[in-house]
Amino acid sequence: MSIAEDFLLDDLGFLWVRRGPSPAEGDEGMLREFTAPDGVEWAIPSSSGLHDVFRPDGVYLGTVKLPHDLSITEIGPDYILGTVRDEVDIQYVWMYGLDRSEGGSE
C-alpha cells in the first residue's frame, strides 16, 4: 500500500485516506506542473485517485476511486463535491453520487 497523502473526515464521521501515487496502481508517472510566482517551474507527482474509507469505529470498508485531479471540498451523506482545473487553469465543480448501502460498502 502506498503512503497516505491526505485525510478527510466526512459529515458522518467516516475517515477517507487518500493514497499517494503508487507504481502498483499505475499512476507513478503522472505529474503536476506549475510555475511559482518567482518563475521557478516545478513538477511533482499527481495525487492518486484512490481513497481508503473507514467507519467511525475504525472498520475498513473499501476503496473508492475518484479522478486524480479532484480536490475534494465536501463529502456528504450521498455525494462527493470537489473541484478540478483544466489545462488552462479554469476551475470546474464536480459532484459524484455516493451510495452508503446497508452492507457497508462505499
PDB file of N, CA and C in Angstrom:
ATOM      1  N   MET A   1       0.851  -1.176   0.000  1.00  0.00           N
ATOM      2  CA  MET A   1       0.000   0.000   0.000  1.00  0.00           C
ATOM      3  C   MET A   1       0.894   1.237   0.000  1.00  0.00           C
ATOM      4  N   SER A   2       0.506   2.224  -0.746  1.00  0.00           N
ATOM      5  CA  SER A   2       1.296   3.445  -0.824  1.00  0.00           C
ATOM      6  C   SER A   2       1.084   4.309   0.426  1.00  0.00           C
ATOM      7  N   ILE A   3       1.879   5.334   0.531  1.00  0.00           N
ATOM      8  CA  ILE A   3       1.807   6.257   1.661  1.00  0.00           C
ATOM      9  C   ILE A   3       0.534   7.089   1.569  1.00  0.00           C
ATOM     10  N   ALA A   4      -0.075   7.369   2.714  1.00  0.00           N
ATOM     11  CA  ALA A   4      -1.258   8.228   2.760  1.00  0.00           C
ATOM     12  C   ALA A   4      -0.844   9.659   2.448  1.00  0.00           C
ATOM     13  N   GLU A   5      -1.617  10.305   1.611  1.00  0.00           N
ATOM     14  CA  GLU A   5      -1.306  11.671   1.200  1.00  0.00           C
ATOM     15  C   GLU A   5      -2.208  12.706   1.863  1.00  0.00           C
ATOM     16  N   ASP A   6      -3.424  12.300   2.193  1.00  0.00           N
ATOM     17  CA  ASP A   6      -4.376  13.250   2.768  1.00  0.00           C
ATOM     18  C   ASP A   6      -5.412  12.479   3.580  1.00  0.00           C
ATOM     19  N   PHE A   7      -5.985  13.132   4.568  1.00  0.00           N
ATOM     20  CA  PHE A   7      -7.026  12.547   5.403  1.00  0.00           C
ATOM     21  C   PHE A   7      -8.228  13.477   5.392  1.00  0.00           C
ATOM     22  N   LEU A   8      -9.418  12.911   5.240  1.00  0.00           N
ATOM     23  CA  LEU A   8     -10.650  13.689   5.290  1.00  0.00           C
ATOM     24  C   LEU A   8     -11.624  12.986   6.222  1.00  0.00           C
ATOM     25  N   LEU A   9     -12.325  13.738   7.019  1.00  0.00           N
ATOM     26  CA  LEU A   9     -13.367  13.201   7.884  1.00  0.00           C
ATOM     27  C   LEU A   9     -14.686  13.760   7.373  1.00  0.00           C
ATOM     28  N   ASP A  10     -15.592  12.882   6.919  1.00  0.00           N
ATOM     29  CA  ASP A  10     -16.846  13.380   6.358  1.00  0.00           C
ATOM     30  C   ASP A  10     -17.849  13.715   7.457  1.00  0.00           C
ATOM     31  N   ASP A  11     -19.015  14.216   7.030  1.00  0.00           N
ATOM     32  CA  ASP A  11     -20.043  14.670   7.977  1.00  0.00           C
ATOM     33  C   ASP A  11     -20.582  13.557   8.872  1.00  0.00           C
ATOM     34  N   LEU A  12     -20.441  12.305   8.449  1.00  0.00           N
ATOM     35  CA  LEU A  12     -20.950  11.180   9.237  1.00  0.00           C
ATOM     36  C   LEU A  12     -19.856  10.513  10.068  1.00  0.00           C
ATOM     37  N   GLY A  13     -18.647  11.075  10.053  1.00  0.00           N
ATOM     38  CA  GLY A  13     -17.557  10.538  10.859  1.00  0.00           C
ATOM     39  C   GLY A  13     -16.719   9.476  10.179  1.00  0.00           C
ATOM     40  N   PHE A  14     -16.917   9.241   8.882  1.00  0.00           N
ATOM     41  CA  PHE A  14     -16.116   8.275   8.146  1.00  0.00           C
ATOM     42  C   PHE A  14     -14.783   8.910   7.766  1.00  0.00           C
ATOM     43  N   LEU A  15     -13.708   8.155   7.905  1.00  0.00           N
ATOM     44  CA  LEU A  15     -12.368   8.639   7.576  1.00  0.00           C
ATOM     45  C   LEU A  15     -12.020   8.221   6.161  1.00  0.00           C
ATOM     46  N   TRP A  16     -11.615   9.189   5.335  1.00  0.00           N
ATOM     47  CA  TRP A  16     -11.191   8.955   3.962  1.00  0.00           C
ATOM     48  C   TRP A  16      -9.692   9.219   3.896  1.00  0.00           C
ATOM     49  N   VAL A  17      -8.931   8.208   3.509  1.00  0.00           N
ATOM     50  CA  VAL A  17      -7.470   8.312   3.427  1.00  0.00           C
ATOM     51  C   VAL A  17      -7.076   8.265   1.953  1.00  0.00           C
ATOM     52  N   ARG A  18      -6.575   9.389   1.460  1.00  0.00           N
ATOM     53  CA  ARG A  18      -6.149   9.452   0.052  1.00  0.00           C
ATOM     54  C   ARG A  18      -4.743   8.898  -0.075  1.00  0.00           C
ATOM     55  N   ARG A  19      -4.597   7.911  -0.950  1.00  0.00           N
ATOM     56  CA  ARG A  19      -3.289   7.306  -1.167  1.00  0.00           C
ATOM     57  C   ARG A  19      -2.394   8.216  -2.006  1.00  0.00           C
ATOM     58  N   GLY A  20      -1.088   8.129  -1.756  1.00  0.00           N
ATOM     59  CA  GLY A  20      -0.119   8.802  -2.599  1.00  0.00           C
ATOM     60  C   GLY A  20       0.058   8.023  -3.890  1.00  0.00           C
ATOM     61  N   PRO A  21       0.741   8.589  -4.890  1.00  0.00           N
ATOM     62  CA  PRO A  21       0.973   7.882  -6.146  1.00  0.00           C
ATOM     63  C   PRO A  21       1.693   6.562  -5.901  1.00  0.00           C
ATOM     64  N   SER A  22       1.309   5.531  -6.649  1.00  0.00           N
ATOM     65  CA  SER A  22       1.872   4.210  -6.435  1.00  0.00           C
ATOM     66  C   SER A  22       2.121   3.502  -7.755  1.00  0.00           C
ATOM     67  N   PRO A  23       3.317   2.941  -7.937  1.00  0.00           N
ATOM     68  CA  PRO A  23       3.568   2.155  -9.147  1.00  0.00           C
ATOM     69  C   PRO A  23       2.606   0.976  -9.266  1.00  0.00           C
ATOM     70  N   ALA A  24       2.173   0.418  -8.151  1.00  0.00           N
ATOM     71  CA  ALA A  24       1.252  -0.714  -8.175  1.00  0.00           C
ATOM     72  C   ALA A  24      -0.105  -0.326  -8.756  1.00  0.00           C
ATOM     73  N   GLU A  25      -0.474   0.941  -8.648  1.00  0.00           N
ATOM     74  CA  GLU A  25      -1.749   1.410  -9.172  1.00  0.00           C
ATOM     75  C   GLU A  25      -1.605   2.024 -10.557  1.00  0.00           C
ATOM     76  N   GLY A  26      -0.376   2.104 -11.081  1.00  0.00           N
ATOM     77  CA  GLY A  26      -0.156   2.635 -12.424  1.00  0.00           C
ATOM     78  C   GLY A  26      -0.194   4.141 -12.537  1.00  0.00           C
ATOM     79  N   ASP A  27      -0.068   4.856 -11.433  1.00  0.00           N
ATOM     80  CA  ASP A  27      -0.156   6.311 -11.513  1.00  0.00           C
ATOM     81  C   ASP A  27       1.139   7.008 -11.094  1.00  0.00           C
ATOM     82  N   GLU A  28       2.261   6.275 -11.062  1.00  0.00           N
ATOM     83  CA  GLU A  28       3.507   6.885 -10.622  1.00  0.00           C
ATOM     84  C   GLU A  28       4.092   7.858 -11.638  1.00  0.00           C
ATOM     85  N   GLY A  29       3.697   7.770 -12.912  1.00  0.00           N
ATOM     86  CA  GLY A  29       4.276   8.640 -13.928  1.00  0.00           C
ATOM     87  C   GLY A  29       3.526   9.932 -14.139  1.00  0.00           C
ATOM     88  N   MET A  30       2.387  10.127 -13.469  1.00  0.00           N
ATOM     89  CA  MET A  30       1.591  11.334 -13.657  1.00  0.00           C
ATOM     90  C   MET A  30       2.188  12.483 -12.850  1.00  0.00           C
ATOM     91  N   LEU A  31       2.377  13.611 -13.512  1.00  0.00           N
ATOM     92  CA  LEU A  31       2.993  14.763 -12.855  1.00  0.00           C
ATOM     93  C   LEU A  31       2.084  15.978 -12.924  1.00  0.00           C
ATOM     94  N   ARG A  32       2.160  16.802 -11.874  1.00  0.00           N
ATOM     95  CA  ARG A  32       1.528  18.122 -11.865  1.00  0.00           C
ATOM     96  C   ARG A  32       2.638  19.119 -12.096  1.00  0.00           C
ATOM     97  N   GLU A  33       2.459  19.985 -13.053  1.00  0.00           N
ATOM     98  CA  GLU A  33       3.471  21.002 -13.335  1.00  0.00           C
ATOM     99  C   GLU A  33       2.889  22.375 -13.039  1.00  0.00           C
ATOM    100  N   PHE A  34       3.693  23.218 -12.409  1.00  0.00           N
ATOM    101  CA  PHE A  34       3.251  24.580 -12.134  1.00  0.00           C
ATOM    102  C   PHE A  34       4.458  25.498 -12.039  1.00  0.00           C
ATOM    103  N   THR A  35       4.198  26.784 -12.178  1.00  0.00           N
ATOM    104  CA  THR A  35       5.250  27.797 -12.096  1.00  0.00           C
ATOM    105  C   THR A  35       4.993  28.654 -10.869  1.00  0.00           C
ATOM    106  N   ALA A  36       6.007  28.779 -10.035  1.00  0.00           N
ATOM    107  CA  ALA A  36       5.910  29.597  -8.821  1.00  0.00           C
ATOM    108  C   ALA A  36       5.915  31.081  -9.206  1.00  0.00           C
ATOM    109  N   PRO A  37       5.470  31.945  -8.300  1.00  0.00           N
ATOM    110  CA  PRO A  37       5.456  33.390  -8.591  1.00  0.00           C
ATOM    111  C   PRO A  37       6.828  33.938  -8.980  1.00  0.00           C
ATOM    112  N   ASP A  38       7.896  33.297  -8.503  1.00  0.00           N
ATOM    113  CA  ASP A  38       9.235  33.781  -8.849  1.00  0.00           C
ATOM    114  C   ASP A  38       9.745  33.199 -10.174  1.00  0.00           C
ATOM    115  N   GLY A  39       8.865  32.465 -10.905  1.00  0.00           N
ATOM    116  CA  GLY A  39       9.224  31.936 -12.210  1.00  0.00           C
ATOM    117  C   GLY A  39       9.838  30.549 -12.202  1.00  0.00           C
ATOM    118  N   VAL A  40      10.059  29.979 -11.028  1.00  0.00           N
ATOM    119  CA  VAL A  40      10.630  28.638 -10.942  1.00  0.00           C
ATOM    120  C   VAL A  40       9.555  27.617 -11.325  1.00  0.00           C
ATOM    121  N   GLU A  41       9.919  26.691 -12.223  1.00  0.00           N
ATOM    122  CA  GLU A  41       8.977  25.667 -12.658  1.00  0.00           C
ATOM    123  C   GLU A  41       9.159  24.407 -11.821  1.00  0.00           C
ATOM    124  N   TRP A  42       8.026  23.798 -11.426  1.00  0.00           N
ATOM    125  CA  TRP A  42       8.032  22.613 -10.588  1.00  0.00           C
ATOM    126  C   TRP A  42       7.238  21.503 -11.254  1.00  0.00           C
ATOM    127  N   ALA A  43       7.637  20.269 -11.034  1.00  0.00           N
ATOM    128  CA  ALA A  43       6.876  19.100 -11.457  1.00  0.00           C
ATOM    129  C   ALA A  43       6.877  18.141 -10.269  1.00  0.00           C
ATOM    130  N   ILE A  44       5.698  17.861  -9.744  1.00  0.00           N
ATOM    131  CA  ILE A  44       5.574  16.955  -8.605  1.00  0.00           C
ATOM    132  C   ILE A  44       4.584  15.845  -8.959  1.00  0.00           C
ATOM    133  N   PRO A  45       4.702  14.688  -8.334  1.00  0.00           N
ATOM    134  CA  PRO A  45       3.763  13.595  -8.651  1.00  0.00           C
ATOM    135  C   PRO A  45       2.327  14.008  -8.359  1.00  0.00           C
ATOM    136  N   SER A  46       1.425  13.610  -9.256  1.00  0.00           N
ATOM    137  CA  SER A  46      -0.003  13.869  -9.047  1.00  0.00           C
ATOM    138  C   SER A  46      -0.534  12.979  -7.938  1.00  0.00           C
ATOM    139  N   SER A  47      -1.606  13.425  -7.351  1.00  0.00           N
ATOM    140  CA  SER A  47      -2.268  12.633  -6.314  1.00  0.00           C
ATOM    141  C   SER A  47      -2.874  11.389  -6.930  1.00  0.00           C
ATOM    142  N   SER A  48      -3.025  10.385  -6.129  1.00  0.00           N
ATOM    143  CA  SER A  48      -3.751   9.188  -6.545  1.00  0.00           C
ATOM    144  C   SER A  48      -5.242   9.495  -6.442  1.00  0.00           C
ATOM    145  N   GLY A  49      -6.035   8.776  -7.198  1.00  0.00           N
ATOM    146  CA  GLY A  49      -7.480   8.930  -7.095  1.00  0.00           C
ATOM    147  C   GLY A  49      -8.094   7.938  -6.127  1.00  0.00           C
ATOM    148  N   LEU A  50      -7.257   7.137  -5.468  1.00  0.00           N
ATOM    149  CA  LEU A  50      -7.759   6.090  -4.583  1.00  0.00           C
ATOM    150  C   LEU A  50      -7.882   6.570  -3.144  1.00  0.00           C
ATOM    151  N   HIS A  51      -9.025   6.299  -2.545  1.00  0.00           N
ATOM    152  CA  HIS A  51      -9.294   6.668  -1.156  1.00  0.00           C
ATOM    153  C   HIS A  51      -9.745   5.435  -0.394  1.00  0.00           C
ATOM    154  N   ASP A  52      -9.056   5.113   0.686  1.00  0.00           N
ATOM    155  CA  ASP A  52      -9.478   4.035   1.567  1.00  0.00           C
ATOM    156  C   ASP A  52     -10.441   4.639   2.587  1.00  0.00           C
ATOM    157  N   VAL A  53     -11.570   3.960   2.813  1.00  0.00           N
ATOM    158  CA  VAL A  53     -12.627   4.506   3.665  1.00  0.00           C
ATOM    159  C   VAL A  53     -12.810   3.623   4.895  1.00  0.00           C
ATOM    160  N   PHE A  54     -12.903   4.284   6.069  1.00  0.00           N
ATOM    161  CA  PHE A  54     -13.053   3.593   7.348  1.00  0.00           C
ATOM    162  C   PHE A  54     -14.282   4.137   8.070  1.00  0.00           C
ATOM    163  N   ARG A  55     -15.047   3.245   8.691  1.00  0.00           N
ATOM    164  CA  ARG A  55     -16.186   3.656   9.511  1.00  0.00           C
ATOM    165  C   ARG A  55     -15.679   4.397  10.747  1.00  0.00           C
ATOM    166  N   PRO A  56     -16.572   5.114  11.440  1.00  0.00           N
ATOM    167  CA  PRO A  56     -16.168   5.816  12.661  1.00  0.00           C
ATOM    168  C   PRO A  56     -15.552   4.900  13.726  1.00  0.00           C
ATOM    169  N   ASP A  57     -15.926   3.610  13.734  1.00  0.00           N
ATOM    170  CA  ASP A  57     -15.342   2.688  14.714  1.00  0.00           C
ATOM    171  C   ASP A  57     -14.042   2.054  14.224  1.00  0.00           C
ATOM    172  N   GLY A  58     -13.533   2.514  13.067  1.00  0.00           N
ATOM    173  CA  GLY A  58     -12.239   2.062  12.565  1.00  0.00           C
ATOM    174  C   GLY A  58     -12.281   0.904  11.592  1.00  0.00           C
ATOM    175  N   VAL A  59     -13.453   0.346  11.321  1.00  0.00           N
ATOM    176  CA  VAL A  59     -13.563  -0.785  10.400  1.00  0.00           C
ATOM    177  C   VAL A  59     -13.341  -0.308   8.968  1.00  0.00           C
ATOM    178  N   TYR A  60     -12.434  -1.012   8.251  1.00  0.00           N
ATOM    179  CA  TYR A  60     -12.135  -0.692   6.853  1.00  0.00           C
ATOM    180  C   TYR A  60     -13.300  -1.133   5.980  1.00  0.00           C
ATOM    181  N   LEU A  61     -13.814  -0.213   5.139  1.00  0.00           N
ATOM    182  CA  LEU A  61     -14.943  -0.527   4.271  1.00  0.00           C
ATOM    183  C   LEU A  61     -14.528  -0.874   2.851  1.00  0.00           C
ATOM    184  N   GLY A  62     -13.479  -0.242   2.356  1.00  0.00           N
ATOM    185  CA  GLY A  62     -13.052  -0.484   0.981  1.00  0.00           C
ATOM    186  C   GLY A  62     -12.395   0.736   0.393  1.00  0.00           C
ATOM    187  N   THR A  63     -12.206   0.681  -0.921  1.00  0.00           N
ATOM    188  CA  THR A  63     -11.523   1.746  -1.639  1.00  0.00           C
ATOM    189  C   THR A  63     -12.462   2.387  -2.636  1.00  0.00           C
ATOM    190  N   VAL A  64     -12.449   3.717  -2.686  1.00  0.00           N
ATOM    191  CA  VAL A  64     -13.236   4.486  -3.648  1.00  0.00           C
ATOM    192  C   VAL A  64     -12.257   5.131  -4.612  1.00  0.00           C
ATOM    193  N   LYS A  65     -12.509   4.961  -5.922  1.00  0.00           N
ATOM    194  CA  LYS A  65     -11.636   5.569  -6.934  1.00  0.00           C
ATOM    195  C   LYS A  65     -12.310   6.813  -7.490  1.00  0.00           C
ATOM    196  N   LEU A  66     -11.612   7.933  -7.387  1.00  0.00           N
ATOM    197  CA  LEU A  66     -12.069   9.214  -7.907  1.00  0.00           C
ATOM    198  C   LEU A  66     -11.006   9.735  -8.873  1.00  0.00           C
ATOM    199  N   PRO A  67     -11.322  10.763  -9.674  1.00  0.00           N
ATOM    200  CA  PRO A  67     -10.303  11.306 -10.578  1.00  0.00           C
ATOM    201  C   PRO A  67      -9.066  11.801  -9.808  1.00  0.00           C
ATOM    202  N   HIS A  68      -7.907  11.628 -10.409  1.00  0.00           N
ATOM    203  CA  HIS A  68      -6.649  12.046  -9.781  1.00  0.00           C
ATOM    204  C   HIS A  68      -6.634  13.533  -9.449  1.00  0.00           C
ATOM    205  N   ASP A  69      -7.226  14.339 -10.312  1.00  0.00           N
ATOM    206  CA  ASP A  69      -7.136  15.791 -10.144  1.00  0.00           C
ATOM    207  C   ASP A  69      -8.295  16.394  -9.361  1.00  0.00           C
ATOM    208  N   LEU A  70      -9.150  15.557  -8.769  1.00  0.00           N
ATOM    209  CA  LEU A  70     -10.275  16.069  -7.984  1.00  0.00           C
ATOM    210  C   LEU A  70      -9.790  16.535  -6.619  1.00  0.00           C
ATOM    211  N   SER A  71     -10.042  17.781  -6.314  1.00  0.00           N
ATOM    212  CA  SER A  71      -9.755  18.329  -4.996  1.00  0.00           C
ATOM    213  C   SER A  71     -11.066  18.322  -4.217  1.00  0.00           C
ATOM    214  N   ILE A  72     -11.189  17.405  -3.274  1.00  0.00           N
ATOM    215  CA  ILE A  72     -12.451  17.223  -2.552  1.00  0.00           C
ATOM    216  C   ILE A  72     -12.712  18.407  -1.630  1.00  0.00           C
ATOM    217  N   THR A  73     -13.913  18.950  -1.757  1.00  0.00           N
ATOM    218  CA  THR A  73     -14.345  20.072  -0.929  1.00  0.00           C
ATOM    219  C   THR A  73     -15.217  19.594   0.222  1.00  0.00           C
ATOM    220  N   GLU A  74     -16.096  18.623  -0.080  1.00  0.00           N
ATOM    221  CA  GLU A  74     -17.041  18.158   0.925  1.00  0.00           C
ATOM    222  C   GLU A  74     -17.504  16.743   0.583  1.00  0.00           C
ATOM    223  N   ILE A  75     -17.689  15.925   1.622  1.00  0.00           N
ATOM    224  CA  ILE A  75     -18.276  14.602   1.455  1.00  0.00           C
ATOM    225  C   ILE A  75     -19.519  14.560   2.331  1.00  0.00           C
ATOM    226  N   GLY A  76     -20.674  14.467   1.683  1.00  0.00           N
ATOM    227  CA  GLY A  76     -21.939  14.438   2.393  1.00  0.00           C
ATOM    228  C   GLY A  76     -22.477  13.029   2.519  1.00  0.00           C
ATOM    229  N   PRO A  77     -23.695  12.886   2.987  1.00  0.00           N
ATOM    230  CA  PRO A  77     -24.277  11.559   3.179  1.00  0.00           C
ATOM    231  C   PRO A  77     -24.433  10.775   1.875  1.00  0.00           C
ATOM    232  N   ASP A  78     -24.673  11.478   0.756  1.00  0.00           N
ATOM    233  CA  ASP A  78     -24.890  10.784  -0.512  1.00  0.00           C
ATOM    234  C   ASP A  78     -24.191  11.453  -1.692  1.00  0.00           C
ATOM    235  N   TYR A  79     -23.151  12.225  -1.432  1.00  0.00           N
ATOM    236  CA  TYR A  79     -22.435  12.891  -2.518  1.00  0.00           C
ATOM    237  C   TYR A  79     -20.991  13.194  -2.133  1.00  0.00           C
ATOM    238  N   ILE A  80     -20.176  13.414  -3.159  1.00  0.00           N
ATOM    239  CA  ILE A  80     -18.805  13.913  -3.010  1.00  0.00           C
ATOM    240  C   ILE A  80     -18.719  15.145  -3.892  1.00  0.00           C
ATOM    241  N   LEU A  81     -18.320  16.266  -3.319  1.00  0.00           N
ATOM    242  CA  LEU A  81     -18.228  17.534  -4.028  1.00  0.00           C
ATOM    243  C   LEU A  81     -16.769  17.948  -4.102  1.00  0.00           C
ATOM    244  N   GLY A  82     -16.329  18.365  -5.278  1.00  0.00           N
ATOM    245  CA  GLY A  82     -14.939  18.779  -5.415  1.00  0.00           C
ATOM    246  C   GLY A  82     -14.740  19.659  -6.632  1.00  0.00           C
ATOM    247  N   THR A  83     -13.507  20.066  -6.834  1.00  0.00           N
ATOM    248  CA  THR A  83     -13.164  20.908  -7.969  1.00  0.00           C
ATOM    249  C   THR A  83     -12.006  20.288  -8.748  1.00  0.00           C
ATOM    250  N   VAL A  84     -11.969  20.597 -10.030  1.00  0.00           N
ATOM    251  CA  VAL A  84     -10.860  20.225 -10.901  1.00  0.00           C
ATOM    252  C   VAL A  84     -10.476  21.451 -11.719  1.00  0.00           C
ATOM    253  N   ARG A  85      -9.249  21.455 -12.191  1.00  0.00           N
ATOM    254  CA  ARG A  85      -8.778  22.535 -13.064  1.00  0.00           C
ATOM    255  C   ARG A  85      -8.330  21.921 -14.383  1.00  0.00           C
ATOM    256  N   ASP A  86      -8.674  22.600 -15.487  1.00  0.00           N
ATOM    257  CA  ASP A  86      -8.255  22.080 -16.778  1.00  0.00           C
ATOM    258  C   ASP A  86      -6.853  22.591 -17.117  1.00  0.00           C
ATOM    259  N   GLU A  87      -6.411  22.297 -18.343  1.00  0.00           N
ATOM    260  CA  GLU A  87      -5.031  22.630 -18.738  1.00  0.00           C
ATOM    261  C   GLU A  87      -4.753  24.130 -18.813  1.00  0.00           C
ATOM    262  N   VAL A  88      -5.793  24.971 -18.879  1.00  0.00           N
ATOM    263  CA  VAL A  88      -5.589  26.423 -18.866  1.00  0.00           C
ATOM    264  C   VAL A  88      -5.998  27.017 -17.520  1.00  0.00           C
ATOM    265  N   ASP A  89      -6.081  26.163 -16.486  1.00  0.00           N
ATOM    266  CA  ASP A  89      -6.320  26.553 -15.103  1.00  0.00           C
ATOM    267  C   ASP A  89      -7.727  27.097 -14.835  1.00  0.00           C
ATOM    268  N   ILE A  90      -8.702  26.688 -15.654  1.00  0.00           N
ATOM    269  CA  ILE A  90     -10.091  27.033 -15.380  1.00  0.00           C
ATOM    270  C   ILE A  90     -10.637  25.991 -14.414  1.00  0.00           C
ATOM    271  N   GLN A  91     -11.300  26.465 -13.377  1.00  0.00           N
ATOM    272  CA  GLN A  91     -11.799  25.585 -12.325  1.00  0.00           C
ATOM    273  C   GLN A  91     -13.245  25.171 -12.598  1.00  0.00           C
ATOM    274  N   TYR A  92     -13.539  23.870 -12.370  1.00  0.00           N
ATOM    275  CA  TYR A  92     -14.881  23.316 -12.544  1.00  0.00           C
ATOM    276  C   TYR A  92     -15.296  22.619 -11.256  1.00  0.00           C
ATOM    277  N   VAL A  93     -16.582  22.688 -10.948  1.00  0.00           N
ATOM    278  CA  VAL A  93     -17.131  21.994  -9.781  1.00  0.00           C
ATOM    279  C   VAL A  93     -17.724  20.676 -10.263  1.00  0.00           C
ATOM    280  N   TRP A  94     -17.343  19.576  -9.619  1.00  0.00           N
ATOM    281  CA  TRP A  94     -17.873  18.253  -9.955  1.00  0.00           C
ATOM    282  C   TRP A  94     -18.544  17.670  -8.722  1.00  0.00           C
ATOM    283  N   MET A  95     -19.644  16.945  -8.968  1.00  0.00           N
ATOM    284  CA  MET A  95     -20.330  16.258  -7.881  1.00  0.00           C
ATOM    285  C   MET A  95     -20.559  14.803  -8.294  1.00  0.00           C
ATOM    286  N   TYR A  96     -20.280  13.894  -7.371  1.00  0.00           N
ATOM    287  CA  TYR A  96     -20.470  12.464  -7.598  1.00  0.00           C
ATOM    288  C   TYR A  96     -21.448  11.935  -6.571  1.00  0.00           C
ATOM    289  N   GLY A  97     -22.308  11.014  -7.002  1.00  0.00           N
ATOM    290  CA  GLY A  97     -23.221  10.354  -6.081  1.00  0.00           C
ATOM    291  C   GLY A  97     -22.465   9.338  -5.235  1.00  0.00           C
ATOM    292  N   LEU A  98     -22.926   9.131  -4.020  1.00  0.00           N
ATOM    293  CA  LEU A  98     -22.293   8.199  -3.097  1.00  0.00           C
ATOM    294  C   LEU A  98     -23.372   7.300  -2.505  1.00  0.00           C
ATOM    295  N   ASP A  99     -23.192   5.981  -2.651  1.00  0.00           N
ATOM    296  CA  ASP A  99     -24.158   5.019  -2.143  1.00  0.00           C
ATOM    297  C   ASP A  99     -23.605   4.398  -0.874  1.00  0.00           C
ATOM    298  N   ARG A 100     -24.204   4.706   0.249  1.00  0.00           N
ATOM    299  CA  ARG A 100     -23.789   4.128   1.523  1.00  0.00           C
ATOM    300  C   ARG A 100     -24.810   3.031   1.870  1.00  0.00           C
ATOM    301  N   SER A 101     -24.656   1.902   1.207  1.00  0.00           N
ATOM    302  CA  SER A 101     -25.632   0.824   1.381  1.00  0.00           C
ATOM    303  C   SER A 101     -25.496   0.176   2.761  1.00  0.00           C
ATOM    304  N   GLU A 102     -26.492  -0.589   3.129  1.00  0.00           N
ATOM    305  CA  GLU A 102     -26.524  -1.265   4.421  1.00  0.00           C
ATOM    306  C   GLU A 102     -25.368  -2.223   4.595  1.00  0.00           C
ATOM    307  N   GLY A 103     -24.838  -2.737   3.471  1.00  0.00           N
ATOM    308  CA  GLY A 103     -23.727  -3.683   3.535  1.00  0.00           C
ATOM    309  C   GLY A 103     -22.433  -3.039   3.953  1.00  0.00           C
ATOM    310  N   GLY A 104     -22.393  -1.711   4.030  1.00  0.00           N
ATOM    311  CA  GLY A 104     -21.202  -1.020   4.486  1.00  0.00           C
ATOM    312  C   GLY A 104     -20.236  -0.656   3.393  1.00  0.00           C
ATOM    313  N   SER A 105     -20.531  -0.985   2.132  1.00  0.00           N
ATOM    314  CA  SER A 105     -19.603  -0.643   1.064  1.00  0.00           C
ATOM    315  C   SER A 105     -19.875   0.775   0.584  1.00  0.00           C
ATOM    316  N   GLU A 106     -18.823   1.408   0.109  1.00  0.00           N
ATOM    317  CA  GLU A 106     -18.923   2.788  -0.384  1.00  0.00           C
ATOM    318  C   GLU A 106     -19.022   2.772  -1.890  1.00  0.00           C
TER     319      GLU A 106
END
